[in-house]
Amino acid sequence: VTAYALIRATPPTVNWSRLVAQVKDTTTNEIYQAQLILAGGNYEATVSGLRPGRAHTVVACAVNATNVDGIATAAVPFTSA
């Protein structure tokens, strides 16, 4: 069984070229990453491969033109379904 996380993020107002979501399984420390894309007016990413019923954290990062991480939100905890 695979769990999915749908992430919606708001980009910073300046100096970014792409948005990336990083999901961490807090039990195994595995990191899942997905690029956010504009869909229906929201920047969204679907991260697949998660294990159901596990504790995770998610961080959305803005990456600038020189590929250096920009503004990142604080890690948000959630449990996969």
C-alpha atoms as a PDB file:
ATOM      1  CA  VAL A   1       0.000   0.000   0.000  1.00  0.00           C
ATOM      2  CA  THR A   2       1.282   3.452  -0.883  1.00  0.00           C
ATOM      3  CA  ALA A   3       0.228   6.668   0.823  1.00  0.00           C
ATOM      4  CA  TYR A   4       0.151  10.042  -0.903  1.00  0.00           C
ATOM      5  CA  ALA A   5       0.596  13.570   0.414  1.00  0.00           C
ATOM      6  CA  LEU A   6      -0.780  16.552  -1.512  1.00  0.00           C
ATOM      7  CA  ILE A   7       1.177  19.697  -0.662  1.00  0.00           C
ATOM      8  CA  ARG A   8       0.093  23.229  -1.526  1.00  0.00           C
ATOM      9  CA  ALA A   9       2.557  26.061  -1.005  1.00  0.00           C
ATOM     10  CA  THR A  10       2.665  29.827  -1.533  1.00  0.00           C
ATOM     11  CA  PRO A  11       5.880  30.984  -3.222  1.00  0.00           C
ATOM     12  CA  PRO A  12       7.866  33.955  -1.914  1.00  0.00           C
ATOM     13  CA  THR A  13       7.241  37.248  -3.681  1.00  0.00           C
ATOM     14  CA  VAL A  14      10.728  37.485  -5.280  1.00  0.00           C
ATOM     15  CA  ASN A  15      13.892  35.580  -6.192  1.00  0.00           C
ATOM     16  CA  TRP A  16      12.812  32.008  -6.845  1.00  0.00           C
ATOM     17  CA  SER A  17      12.895  29.772  -9.899  1.00  0.00           C
ATOM     18  CA  ARG A  18      11.175  26.627  -8.576  1.00  0.00           C
ATOM     19  CA  LEU A  19       9.453  25.275  -5.495  1.00  0.00           C
ATOM     20  CA  VAL A  20      10.310  21.931  -3.928  1.00  0.00           C
ATOM     21  CA  ALA A  21       8.508  19.916  -1.254  1.00  0.00           C
ATOM     22  CA  GLN A  22      10.496  17.600   0.985  1.00  0.00           C
ATOM     23  CA  VAL A  23       8.649  15.003   3.058  1.00  0.00           C
ATOM     24  CA  LYS A  24      10.531  13.129   5.788  1.00  0.00           C
ATOM     25  CA  ASP A  25       9.376   9.859   7.350  1.00  0.00           C
ATOM     26  CA  THR A  26      10.257  10.522  10.984  1.00  0.00           C
ATOM     27  CA  THR A  27      10.512   6.790  11.764  1.00  0.00           C
ATOM     28  CA  THR A  28      13.018   5.818   9.060  1.00  0.00           C
ATOM     29  CA  ASN A  29      14.392   9.313   8.219  1.00  0.00           C
ATOM     30  CA  GLU A  30      13.675   8.632   4.520  1.00  0.00           C
ATOM     31  CA  ILE A  31      13.287  11.815   2.461  1.00  0.00           C
ATOM     32  CA  TYR A  32      10.808  12.096  -0.415  1.00  0.00           C
ATOM     33  CA  GLN A  33      11.040  15.112  -2.707  1.00  0.00           C
ATOM     34  CA  ALA A  34       8.773  16.563  -5.384  1.00  0.00           C
ATOM     35  CA  GLN A  35       8.757  19.750  -7.414  1.00  0.00           C
ATOM     36  CA  LEU A  36       5.660  21.889  -6.945  1.00  0.00           C
ATOM     37  CA  ILE A  37       3.825  22.884 -10.133  1.00  0.00           C
ATOM     38  CA  LEU A  38       1.095  25.436 -10.790  1.00  0.00           C
ATOM     39  CA  ALA A  39      -2.261  23.621 -10.975  1.00  0.00           C
ATOM     40  CA  GLY A  40      -5.649  25.303 -10.740  1.00  0.00           C
ATOM     41  CA  GLY A  41      -4.185  28.460  -9.191  1.00  0.00           C
ATOM     42  CA  ASN A  42      -2.227  26.577  -6.503  1.00  0.00           C
ATOM     43  CA  TYR A  43       1.363  25.371  -6.416  1.00  0.00           C
ATOM     44  CA  GLU A  44       0.980  21.651  -5.721  1.00  0.00           C
ATOM     45  CA  ALA A  45       3.029  18.486  -5.504  1.00  0.00           C
ATOM     46  CA  THR A  46       1.939  14.933  -4.897  1.00  0.00           C
ATOM     47  CA  VAL A  47       4.484  12.845  -3.038  1.00  0.00           C
ATOM     48  CA  SER A  48       3.984   9.104  -3.434  1.00  0.00           C
ATOM     49  CA  GLY A  49       5.660   6.094  -1.886  1.00  0.00           C
ATOM     50  CA  LEU A  50       4.912   6.988   1.722  1.00  0.00           C
ATOM     51  CA  ARG A  51       3.935   4.257   4.163  1.00  0.00           C
ATOM     52  CA  PRO A  52       0.390   4.582   5.552  1.00  0.00           C
ATOM     53  CA  GLY A  53      -0.102   5.520   9.208  1.00  0.00           C
ATOM     54  CA  ARG A  54       3.423   6.933   9.651  1.00  0.00           C
ATOM     55  CA  ALA A  55       4.482  10.253  11.154  1.00  0.00           C
ATOM     56  CA  HIS A  56       6.047  12.662   8.652  1.00  0.00           C
ATOM     57  CA  THR A  57       7.139  16.257   8.370  1.00  0.00           C
ATOM     58  CA  VAL A  58       6.935  18.386   5.226  1.00  0.00           C
ATOM     59  CA  VAL A  59       8.915  21.483   4.236  1.00  0.00           C
ATOM     60  CA  ALA A  60       8.355  23.567   1.101  1.00  0.00           C
ATOM     61  CA  CYS A  61      11.519  25.285  -0.172  1.00  0.00           C
ATOM     62  CA  ALA A  62      11.958  28.014  -2.756  1.00  0.00           C
ATOM     63  CA  VAL A  63      15.060  27.514  -4.891  1.00  0.00           C
ATOM     64  CA  ASN A  64      16.631  30.533  -6.555  1.00  0.00           C
ATOM     65  CA  ALA A  65      18.221  30.813 -10.001  1.00  0.00           C
ATOM     66  CA  THR A  66      21.638  29.667  -8.720  1.00  0.00           C
ATOM     67  CA  ASN A  67      20.057  26.506  -7.232  1.00  0.00           C
ATOM     68  CA  VAL A  68      20.578  27.584  -3.639  1.00  0.00           C
ATOM     69  CA  ASP A  69      17.739  26.936  -1.213  1.00  0.00           C
ATOM     70  CA  GLY A  70      15.833  30.082  -0.524  1.00  0.00           C
ATOM     71  CA  ILE A  71      12.991  30.674   1.854  1.00  0.00           C
ATOM     72  CA  ALA A  72      11.711  27.505   3.548  1.00  0.00           C
ATOM     73  CA  THR A  73       8.680  27.092   5.720  1.00  0.00           C
ATOM     74  CA  ALA A  74       8.915  25.486   9.132  1.00  0.00           C
ATOM     75  CA  ALA A  75       8.489  21.712   9.087  1.00  0.00           C
ATOM     76  CA  VAL A  76       4.828  20.734   9.361  1.00  0.00           C
ATOM     77  CA  PRO A  77       4.018  17.370  10.989  1.00  0.00           C
ATOM     78  CA  PHE A  78       1.330  15.036   9.614  1.00  0.00           C
ATOM     79  CA  THR A  79       0.389  11.370   9.609  1.00  0.00           C
ATOM     80  CA  SER A  80      -0.014   9.642   6.244  1.00  0.00           C
ATOM     81  CA  ALA A  81      -3.336   8.004   5.488  1.00  0.00           C
END
